[in-house]
PDB file of N, CA and C in Angstrom:
ATOM      1  N   MET A   1      39.877 -84.380 108.771  1.00  0.00           N
ATOM      2  CA  MET A   1      40.406 -83.470 109.752  1.00  0.00           C
ATOM      3  C   MET A   1      41.349 -82.507 109.040  1.00  0.00           C
ATOM      4  N   SER A   2      41.188 -81.245 109.209  1.00  0.00           N
ATOM      5  CA  SER A   2      42.042 -80.265 108.543  1.00  0.00           C
ATOM      6  C   SER A   2      43.306 -80.043 109.347  1.00  0.00           C
ATOM      7  N   ALA A   3      44.309 -79.451 108.690  1.00  0.00           N
ATOM      8  CA  ALA A   3      45.601 -79.214 109.339  1.00  0.00           C
ATOM      9  C   ALA A   3      45.463 -78.239 110.508  1.00  0.00           C
ATOM     10  N   ALA A   4      44.499 -77.323 110.437  1.00  0.00           N
ATOM     11  CA  ALA A   4      44.317 -76.335 111.503  1.00  0.00           C
ATOM     12  C   ALA A   4      43.777 -76.976 112.776  1.00  0.00           C
ATOM     13  N   SER A   5      43.020 -78.070 112.656  1.00  0.00           N
ATOM     14  CA  SER A   5      42.447 -78.698 113.839  1.00  0.00           C
ATOM     15  C   SER A   5      43.288 -79.859 114.368  1.00  0.00           C
ATOM     16  N   GLU A   6      44.444 -80.108 113.753  1.00  0.00           N
ATOM     17  CA  GLU A   6      45.325 -81.167 114.226  1.00  0.00           C
ATOM     18  C   GLU A   6      45.988 -80.747 115.532  1.00  0.00           C
ATOM     19  N   ARG A   7      46.002 -81.638 116.493  1.00  0.00           N
ATOM     20  CA  ARG A   7      46.672 -81.375 117.765  1.00  0.00           C
ATOM     21  C   ARG A   7      48.150 -81.716 117.601  1.00  0.00           C
ATOM     22  N   SER A   8      49.021 -80.776 117.899  1.00  0.00           N
ATOM     23  CA  SER A   8      50.452 -80.969 117.744  1.00  0.00           C
ATOM     24  C   SER A   8      51.054 -81.442 119.067  1.00  0.00           C
ATOM     25  N   PHE A   9      51.824 -82.537 119.011  1.00  0.00           N
ATOM     26  CA  PHE A   9      52.480 -83.080 120.196  1.00  0.00           C
ATOM     27  C   PHE A   9      53.937 -82.644 120.293  1.00  0.00           C
ATOM     28  N   LEU A  10      54.597 -82.467 119.137  1.00  0.00           N
ATOM     29  CA  LEU A  10      55.998 -82.082 119.107  1.00  0.00           C
ATOM     30  C   LEU A  10      56.268 -81.310 117.833  1.00  0.00           C
ATOM     31  N   SER A  11      57.018 -80.224 117.959  1.00  0.00           N
ATOM     32  CA  SER A  11      57.416 -79.456 116.787  1.00  0.00           C
ATOM     33  C   SER A  11      58.818 -78.919 117.038  1.00  0.00           C
ATOM     34  N   GLU A  12      59.817 -79.581 116.443  1.00  0.00           N
ATOM     35  CA  GLU A  12      61.209 -79.167 116.570  1.00  0.00           C
ATOM     36  C   GLU A  12      61.779 -78.922 115.188  1.00  0.00           C
ATOM     37  N   SER A  13      63.083 -78.752 115.081  1.00  0.00           N
ATOM     38  CA  SER A  13      63.719 -78.321 113.844  1.00  0.00           C
ATOM     39  C   SER A  13      63.278 -79.122 112.619  1.00  0.00           C
ATOM     40  N   GLU A  14      63.440 -80.424 112.620  1.00  0.00           N
ATOM     41  CA  GLU A  14      63.062 -81.220 111.449  1.00  0.00           C
ATOM     42  C   GLU A  14      62.046 -82.291 111.772  1.00  0.00           C
ATOM     43  N   VAL A  15      61.399 -82.196 112.944  1.00  0.00           N
ATOM     44  CA  VAL A  15      60.438 -83.215 113.359  1.00  0.00           C
ATOM     45  C   VAL A  15      59.151 -82.536 113.827  1.00  0.00           C
ATOM     46  N   THR A  16      58.018 -82.993 113.292  1.00  0.00           N
ATOM     47  CA  THR A  16      56.706 -82.537 113.737  1.00  0.00           C
ATOM     48  C   THR A  16      55.827 -83.763 113.923  1.00  0.00           C
ATOM     49  N   VAL A  17      55.155 -83.828 115.088  1.00  0.00           N
ATOM     50  CA  VAL A  17      54.249 -84.935 115.373  1.00  0.00           C
ATOM     51  C   VAL A  17      52.894 -84.347 115.723  1.00  0.00           C
ATOM     52  N   THR A  18      51.866 -84.732 114.970  1.00  0.00           N
ATOM     53  CA  THR A  18      50.489 -84.322 115.248  1.00  0.00           C
ATOM     54  C   THR A  18      49.642 -85.583 115.405  1.00  0.00           C
ATOM     55  N   GLN A  19      48.346 -85.381 115.643  1.00  0.00           N
ATOM     56  CA  GLN A  19      47.440 -86.524 115.746  1.00  0.00           C
ATOM     57  C   GLN A  19      47.401 -87.332 114.462  1.00  0.00           C
ATOM     58  N   ALA A  20      47.519 -86.678 113.325  1.00  0.00           N
ATOM     59  CA  ALA A  20      47.311 -87.346 112.049  1.00  0.00           C
ATOM     60  C   ALA A  20      48.578 -87.695 111.294  1.00  0.00           C
ATOM     61  N   ARG A  21      49.713 -87.020 111.608  1.00  0.00           N
ATOM     62  CA  ARG A  21      50.908 -87.257 110.784  1.00  0.00           C
ATOM     63  C   ARG A  21      52.199 -87.042 111.556  1.00  0.00           C
ATOM     64  N   LEU A  22      53.243 -87.608 111.000  1.00  0.00           N
ATOM     65  CA  LEU A  22      54.604 -87.450 111.488  1.00  0.00           C
ATOM     66  C   LEU A  22      55.429 -86.915 110.325  1.00  0.00           C
ATOM     67  N   VAL A  23      56.118 -85.803 110.528  1.00  0.00           N
ATOM     68  CA  VAL A  23      56.957 -85.220 109.483  1.00  0.00           C
ATOM     69  C   VAL A  23      58.393 -85.217 109.987  1.00  0.00           C
ATOM     70  N   VAL A  24      59.285 -85.904 109.242  1.00  0.00           N
ATOM     71  CA  VAL A  24      60.703 -85.981 109.597  1.00  0.00           C
ATOM     72  C   VAL A  24      61.506 -85.585 108.374  1.00  0.00           C
ATOM     73  N   ALA A  25      62.242 -84.487 108.488  1.00  0.00           N
ATOM     74  CA  ALA A  25      63.106 -83.998 107.401  1.00  0.00           C
ATOM     75  C   ALA A  25      62.354 -83.890 106.075  1.00  0.00           C
ATOM     76  N   GLY A  26      61.144 -83.378 106.117  1.00  0.00           N
ATOM     77  CA  GLY A  26      60.367 -83.174 104.906  1.00  0.00           C
ATOM     78  C   GLY A  26      59.574 -84.381 104.437  1.00  0.00           C
ATOM     79  N   GLN A  27      59.792 -85.538 105.018  1.00  0.00           N
ATOM     80  CA  GLN A  27      59.052 -86.751 104.663  1.00  0.00           C
ATOM     81  C   GLN A  27      57.859 -86.888 105.605  1.00  0.00           C
ATOM     82  N   THR A  28      56.639 -87.045 105.053  1.00  0.00           N
ATOM     83  CA  THR A  28      55.424 -87.127 105.860  1.00  0.00           C
ATOM     84  C   THR A  28      54.912 -88.558 105.911  1.00  0.00           C
ATOM     85  N   TYR A  29      54.540 -88.992 107.114  1.00  0.00           N
ATOM     86  CA  TYR A  29      53.988 -90.329 107.326  1.00  0.00           C
ATOM     87  C   TYR A  29      52.635 -90.184 108.009  1.00  0.00           C
ATOM     88  N   ALA A  30      51.643 -90.948 107.559  1.00  0.00           N
ATOM     89  CA  ALA A  30      50.334 -90.947 108.200  1.00  0.00           C
ATOM     90  C   ALA A  30      50.427 -91.730 109.503  1.00  0.00           C
ATOM     91  N   MET A  31      49.837 -91.190 110.566  1.00  0.00           N
ATOM     92  CA  MET A  31      49.907 -91.866 111.867  1.00  0.00           C
ATOM     93  C   MET A  31      49.191 -93.212 111.844  1.00  0.00           C
ATOM     94  N   ASN A  32      48.149 -93.347 111.035  1.00  0.00           N
ATOM     95  CA  ASN A  32      47.458 -94.637 110.993  1.00  0.00           C
ATOM     96  C   ASN A  32      48.302 -95.706 110.307  1.00  0.00           C
ATOM     97  N   GLY A  33      49.382 -95.320 109.640  1.00  0.00           N
ATOM     98  CA  GLY A  33      50.278 -96.278 109.006  1.00  0.00           C
ATOM     99  C   GLY A  33      51.424 -96.702 109.919  1.00  0.00           C
ATOM    100  N   ILE A  34      51.547 -96.044 111.077  1.00  0.00           N
ATOM    101  CA  ILE A  34      52.608 -96.392 112.021  1.00  0.00           C
ATOM    102  C   ILE A  34      52.065 -97.413 112.995  1.00  0.00           C
ATOM    103  N   THR A  35      52.640 -98.614 112.998  1.00  0.00           N
ATOM    104  CA  THR A  35      52.128 -99.694 113.845  1.00  0.00           C
ATOM    105  C   THR A  35      52.985 -99.950 115.068  1.00  0.00           C
ATOM    106  N   SER A  36      54.258 -99.518 115.040  1.00  0.00           N
ATOM    107  CA  SER A  36      55.114 -99.695 116.215  1.00  0.00           C
ATOM    108  C   SER A  36      56.226 -98.657 116.188  1.00  0.00           C
ATOM    109  N   VAL A  37      56.784 -98.401 117.352  1.00  0.00           N
ATOM    110  CA  VAL A  37      57.909 -97.479 117.472  1.00  0.00           C
ATOM    111  C   VAL A  37      58.948 -98.098 118.400  1.00  0.00           C
ATOM    112  N   ALA A  38      60.163 -97.606 118.311  1.00  0.00           N
ATOM    113  CA  ALA A  38      61.235 -98.072 119.192  1.00  0.00           C
ATOM    114  C   ALA A  38      62.000 -96.862 119.709  1.00  0.00           C
ATOM    115  N   SER A  39      62.499 -96.983 120.897  1.00  0.00           N
ATOM    116  CA  SER A  39      63.289 -95.920 121.504  1.00  0.00           C
ATOM    117  C   SER A  39      64.750 -96.332 121.504  1.00  0.00           C
ATOM    118  N   PHE A  40      65.634 -95.397 121.159  1.00  0.00           N
ATOM    119  CA  PHE A  40      67.061 -95.683 121.201  1.00  0.00           C
ATOM    120  C   PHE A  40      67.814 -94.397 121.474  1.00  0.00           C
ATOM    121  N   LYS A  41      69.049 -94.540 121.881  1.00  0.00           N
ATOM    122  CA  LYS A  41      69.898 -93.403 122.223  1.00  0.00           C
ATOM    123  C   LYS A  41      71.173 -93.483 121.408  1.00  0.00           C
ATOM    124  N   ILE A  42      71.539 -92.383 120.777  1.00  0.00           N
ATOM    125  CA  ILE A  42      72.782 -92.309 120.030  1.00  0.00           C
ATOM    126  C   ILE A  42      73.757 -91.489 120.860  1.00  0.00           C
ATOM    127  N   SER A  43      74.846 -92.117 121.264  1.00  0.00           N
ATOM    128  CA  SER A  43      75.844 -91.425 122.069  1.00  0.00           C
ATOM    129  C   SER A  43      76.691 -90.523 121.183  1.00  0.00           C
ATOM    130  N   PRO A  44      77.028 -89.326 121.664  1.00  0.00           N
ATOM    131  CA  PRO A  44      77.854 -88.429 120.855  1.00  0.00           C
ATOM    132  C   PRO A  44      79.283 -88.946 120.745  1.00  0.00           C
ATOM    133  N   SER A  45      79.926 -88.587 119.666  1.00  0.00           N
ATOM    134  CA  SER A  45      81.315 -88.968 119.459  1.00  0.00           C
ATOM    135  C   SER A  45      82.210 -88.106 120.342  1.00  0.00           C
ATOM    136  N   ARG A  46      83.176 -88.727 120.977  1.00  0.00           N
ATOM    137  CA  ARG A  46      84.114 -87.987 121.820  1.00  0.00           C
ATOM    138  C   ARG A  46      85.462 -87.855 121.124  1.00  0.00           C
ATOM    139  N   LYS A  47      85.518 -88.066 119.817  1.00  0.00           N
ATOM    140  CA  LYS A  47      86.784 -88.050 119.101  1.00  0.00           C
ATOM    141  C   LYS A  47      87.334 -86.643 118.900  1.00  0.00           C
ATOM    142  N   LEU A  48      86.482 -85.661 118.593  1.00  0.00           N
ATOM    143  CA  LEU A  48      86.967 -84.312 118.294  1.00  0.00           C
ATOM    144  C   LEU A  48      87.738 -83.706 119.464  1.00  0.00           C
ATOM    145  N   PRO A  49      87.221 -83.734 120.701  1.00  0.00           N
ATOM    146  CA  PRO A  49      88.019 -83.163 121.793  1.00  0.00           C
ATOM    147  C   PRO A  49      89.353 -83.867 121.994  1.00  0.00           C
ATOM    148  N   ILE A  50      89.425 -85.167 121.742  1.00  0.00           N
ATOM    149  CA  ILE A  50      90.698 -85.877 121.881  1.00  0.00           C
ATOM    150  C   ILE A  50      91.699 -85.350 120.856  1.00  0.00           C
ATOM    151  N   VAL A  51      91.232 -85.089 119.634  1.00  0.00           N
ATOM    152  CA  VAL A  51      92.100 -84.521 118.601  1.00  0.00           C
ATOM    153  C   VAL A  51      92.555 -83.127 119.029  1.00  0.00           C
ATOM    154  N   LEU A  52      91.646 -82.329 119.581  1.00  0.00           N
ATOM    155  CA  LEU A  52      92.002 -80.983 120.025  1.00  0.00           C
ATOM    156  C   LEU A  52      93.020 -81.033 121.163  1.00  0.00           C
ATOM    157  N   ILE A  53      92.832 -81.963 122.089  1.00  0.00           N
ATOM    158  CA  ILE A  53      93.772 -82.112 123.199  1.00  0.00           C
ATOM    159  C   ILE A  53      95.154 -82.496 122.671  1.00  0.00           C
ATOM    160  N   ALA A  54      95.201 -83.439 121.747  1.00  0.00           N
ATOM    161  CA  ALA A  54      96.482 -83.858 121.170  1.00  0.00           C
ATOM    162  C   ALA A  54      97.156 -82.698 120.442  1.00  0.00           C
ATOM    163  N   MET A  55      96.389 -81.910 119.701  1.00  0.00           N
ATOM    164  CA  MET A  55      96.956 -80.758 119.001  1.00  0.00           C
ATOM    165  C   MET A  55      97.498 -79.733 119.994  1.00  0.00           C
ATOM    166  N   GLY A  56      96.776 -79.511 121.092  1.00  0.00           N
ATOM    167  CA  GLY A  56      97.241 -78.571 122.103  1.00  0.00           C
ATOM    168  C   GLY A  56      98.522 -79.016 122.760  1.00  0.00           C
ATOM    169  N   VAL A  57      98.621 -80.306 123.099  1.00  0.00           N
ATOM    170  CA  VAL A  57      99.837 -80.832 123.722  1.00  0.00           C
ATOM    171  C   VAL A  57     101.017 -80.725 122.756  1.00  0.00           C
ATOM    172  N   MET A  58     100.809 -81.095 121.492  1.00  0.00           N
ATOM    173  CA  MET A  58     101.887 -80.995 120.505  1.00  0.00           C
ATOM    174  C   MET A  58     102.312 -79.544 120.321  1.00  0.00           C
ATOM    175  N   GLY A  59     101.358 -78.634 120.328  1.00  0.00           N
ATOM    176  CA  GLY A  59     101.689 -77.219 120.186  1.00  0.00           C
ATOM    177  C   GLY A  59     102.466 -76.689 121.372  1.00  0.00           C
ATOM    178  N   LEU A  60     102.092 -77.129 122.584  1.00  0.00           N
ATOM    179  CA  LEU A  60     102.827 -76.692 123.774  1.00  0.00           C
ATOM    180  C   LEU A  60     104.257 -77.209 123.763  1.00  0.00           C
ATOM    181  N   LEU A  61     104.431 -78.442 123.292  1.00  0.00           N
ATOM    182  CA  LEU A  61     105.769 -79.027 123.273  1.00  0.00           C
ATOM    183  C   LEU A  61     106.669 -78.413 122.207  1.00  0.00           C
ATOM    184  N   SER A  62     106.086 -77.832 121.164  1.00  0.00           N
ATOM    185  CA  SER A  62     106.896 -77.290 120.075  1.00  0.00           C
ATOM    186  C   SER A  62     106.914 -75.766 120.048  1.00  0.00           C
ATOM    187  N   GLY A  63     106.278 -75.087 121.022  1.00  0.00           N
ATOM    188  CA  GLY A  63     106.192 -73.623 121.007  1.00  0.00           C
ATOM    189  C   GLY A  63     107.527 -72.957 121.288  1.00  0.00           C
ATOM    190  N   ASP A  64     107.867 -71.902 120.502  1.00  0.00           N
ATOM    191  CA  ASP A  64     109.107 -71.150 120.677  1.00  0.00           C
ATOM    192  C   ASP A  64     108.840 -69.799 121.337  1.00  0.00           C
ATOM    193  N   SER A  65     107.831 -69.099 120.881  1.00  0.00           N
ATOM    194  CA  SER A  65     107.525 -67.766 121.377  1.00  0.00           C
ATOM    195  C   SER A  65     106.806 -67.858 122.722  1.00  0.00           C
ATOM    196  N   SER A  66     106.923 -66.835 123.539  1.00  0.00           N
ATOM    197  CA  SER A  66     106.269 -66.848 124.856  1.00  0.00           C
ATOM    198  C   SER A  66     104.758 -66.675 124.743  1.00  0.00           C
ATOM    199  N   ALA A  67     104.263 -66.074 123.656  1.00  0.00           N
ATOM    200  CA  ALA A  67     102.824 -65.877 123.485  1.00  0.00           C
ATOM    201  C   ALA A  67     102.142 -67.162 123.012  1.00  0.00           C
ATOM    202  N   ILE A  68     102.826 -67.970 122.258  1.00  0.00           N
ATOM    203  CA  ILE A  68     102.224 -69.187 121.700  1.00  0.00           C
ATOM    204  C   ILE A  68     101.855 -70.196 122.787  1.00  0.00           C
ATOM    205  N   PRO A  69     102.747 -70.524 123.748  1.00  0.00           N
ATOM    206  CA  PRO A  69     102.349 -71.500 124.770  1.00  0.00           C
ATOM    207  C   PRO A  69     101.134 -71.055 125.595  1.00  0.00           C
ATOM    208  N   GLY A  70     101.005 -69.768 125.872  1.00  0.00           N
ATOM    209  CA  GLY A  70      99.845 -69.280 126.619  1.00  0.00           C
ATOM    210  C   GLY A  70      98.555 -69.501 125.852  1.00  0.00           C
ATOM    211  N   GLY A  71      98.567 -69.227 124.565  1.00  0.00           N
ATOM    212  CA  GLY A  71      97.394 -69.440 123.726  1.00  0.00           C
ATOM    213  C   GLY A  71      97.068 -70.913 123.582  1.00  0.00           C
ATOM    214  N   LEU A  72      98.098 -71.719 123.426  1.00  0.00           N
ATOM    215  CA  LEU A  72      97.889 -73.153 123.297  1.00  0.00           C
ATOM    216  C   LEU A  72      97.399 -73.761 124.603  1.00  0.00           C
ATOM    217  N   LEU A  73      97.859 -73.243 125.732  1.00  0.00           N
ATOM    218  CA  LEU A  73      97.384 -73.722 127.022  1.00  0.00           C
ATOM    219  C   LEU A  73      95.900 -73.409 127.183  1.00  0.00           C
ATOM    220  N   PHE A  74      95.486 -72.210 126.771  1.00  0.00           N
ATOM    221  CA  PHE A  74      94.070 -71.846 126.791  1.00  0.00           C
ATOM    222  C   PHE A  74      93.268 -72.801 125.901  1.00  0.00           C
ATOM    223  N   PHE A  75      93.787 -73.090 124.716  1.00  0.00           N
ATOM    224  CA  PHE A  75      93.171 -74.015 123.765  1.00  0.00           C
ATOM    225  C   PHE A  75      93.055 -75.412 124.373  1.00  0.00           C
ATOM    226  N   LEU A  76      94.125 -75.868 125.032  1.00  0.00           N
ATOM    227  CA  LEU A  76      94.158 -77.191 125.639  1.00  0.00           C
ATOM    228  C   LEU A  76      93.144 -77.308 126.775  1.00  0.00           C
ATOM    229  N   VAL A  77      93.065 -76.300 127.622  1.00  0.00           N
ATOM    230  CA  VAL A  77      92.096 -76.310 128.724  1.00  0.00           C
ATOM    231  C   VAL A  77      90.673 -76.343 128.170  1.00  0.00           C
ATOM    232  N   GLY A  78      90.412 -75.588 127.116  1.00  0.00           N
ATOM    233  CA  GLY A  78      89.086 -75.599 126.486  1.00  0.00           C
ATOM    234  C   GLY A  78      88.740 -76.966 125.913  1.00  0.00           C
ATOM    235  N   ALA A  79      89.706 -77.621 125.296  1.00  0.00           N
ATOM    236  CA  ALA A  79      89.461 -78.943 124.714  1.00  0.00           C
ATOM    237  C   ALA A  79      89.195 -79.974 125.806  1.00  0.00           C
ATOM    238  N   VAL A  80      89.936 -79.907 126.909  1.00  0.00           N
ATOM    239  CA  VAL A  80      89.705 -80.838 128.022  1.00  0.00           C
ATOM    240  C   VAL A  80      88.330 -80.583 128.629  1.00  0.00           C
ATOM    241  N   TRP A  81      87.983 -79.328 128.792  1.00  0.00           N
ATOM    242  CA  TRP A  81      86.656 -78.983 129.338  1.00  0.00           C
ATOM    243  C   TRP A  81      85.555 -79.527 128.430  1.00  0.00           C
ATOM    244  N   LEU A  82      85.708 -79.363 127.107  1.00  0.00           N
ATOM    245  CA  LEU A  82      84.710 -79.861 126.152  1.00  0.00           C
ATOM    246  C   LEU A  82      84.597 -81.378 126.253  1.00  0.00           C
ATOM    247  N   TYR A  83      85.726 -82.060 126.402  1.00  0.00           N
ATOM    248  CA  TYR A  83      85.725 -83.513 126.509  1.00  0.00           C
ATOM    249  C   TYR A  83      84.983 -83.969 127.766  1.00  0.00           C
ATOM    250  N   LEU A  84      85.228 -83.303 128.881  1.00  0.00           N
ATOM    251  CA  LEU A  84      84.611 -83.702 130.145  1.00  0.00           C
ATOM    252  C   LEU A  84      83.124 -83.356 130.206  1.00  0.00           C
ATOM    253  N   LYS A  85      82.682 -82.345 129.478  1.00  0.00           N
ATOM    254  CA  LYS A  85      81.280 -81.928 129.495  1.00  0.00           C
ATOM    255  C   LYS A  85      80.373 -82.812 128.647  1.00  0.00           C
ATOM    256  N   GLN A  86      80.946 -83.563 127.707  1.00  0.00           N
ATOM    257  CA  GLN A  86      80.125 -84.402 126.829  1.00  0.00           C
ATOM    258  C   GLN A  86      79.559 -85.576 127.610  1.00  0.00           C
ATOM    259  N   PRO A  87      78.277 -85.902 127.373  1.00  0.00           N
ATOM    260  CA  PRO A  87      77.694 -87.059 128.054  1.00  0.00           C
ATOM    261  C   PRO A  87      78.363 -88.349 127.605  1.00  0.00           C
ATOM    262  N   ARG A  88      78.356 -89.304 128.501  1.00  0.00           N
ATOM    263  CA  ARG A  88      78.999 -90.593 128.180  1.00  0.00           C
ATOM    264  C   ARG A  88      77.982 -91.620 127.813  1.00  0.00           C
TER     265      ARG A  88
END
């Protein structure tokens, strides 16, 4: 079977699945060599927004100029929004 006649099931950034092969990050596997698969979910890390929130709170508590607290408040609201939008 030539590559032109292969039926493609999935083609994303680093993953391609056809009738004959699976390509992941440049590594190619023959489909006839795959005997089983498993499904799993990797949860995203929620650590970065917590760090951003902590930095925003510390900045608000230590701000001297009137322009700095406004910018830090905007930063803090954005970090909280990012934290709440992430799937759990």
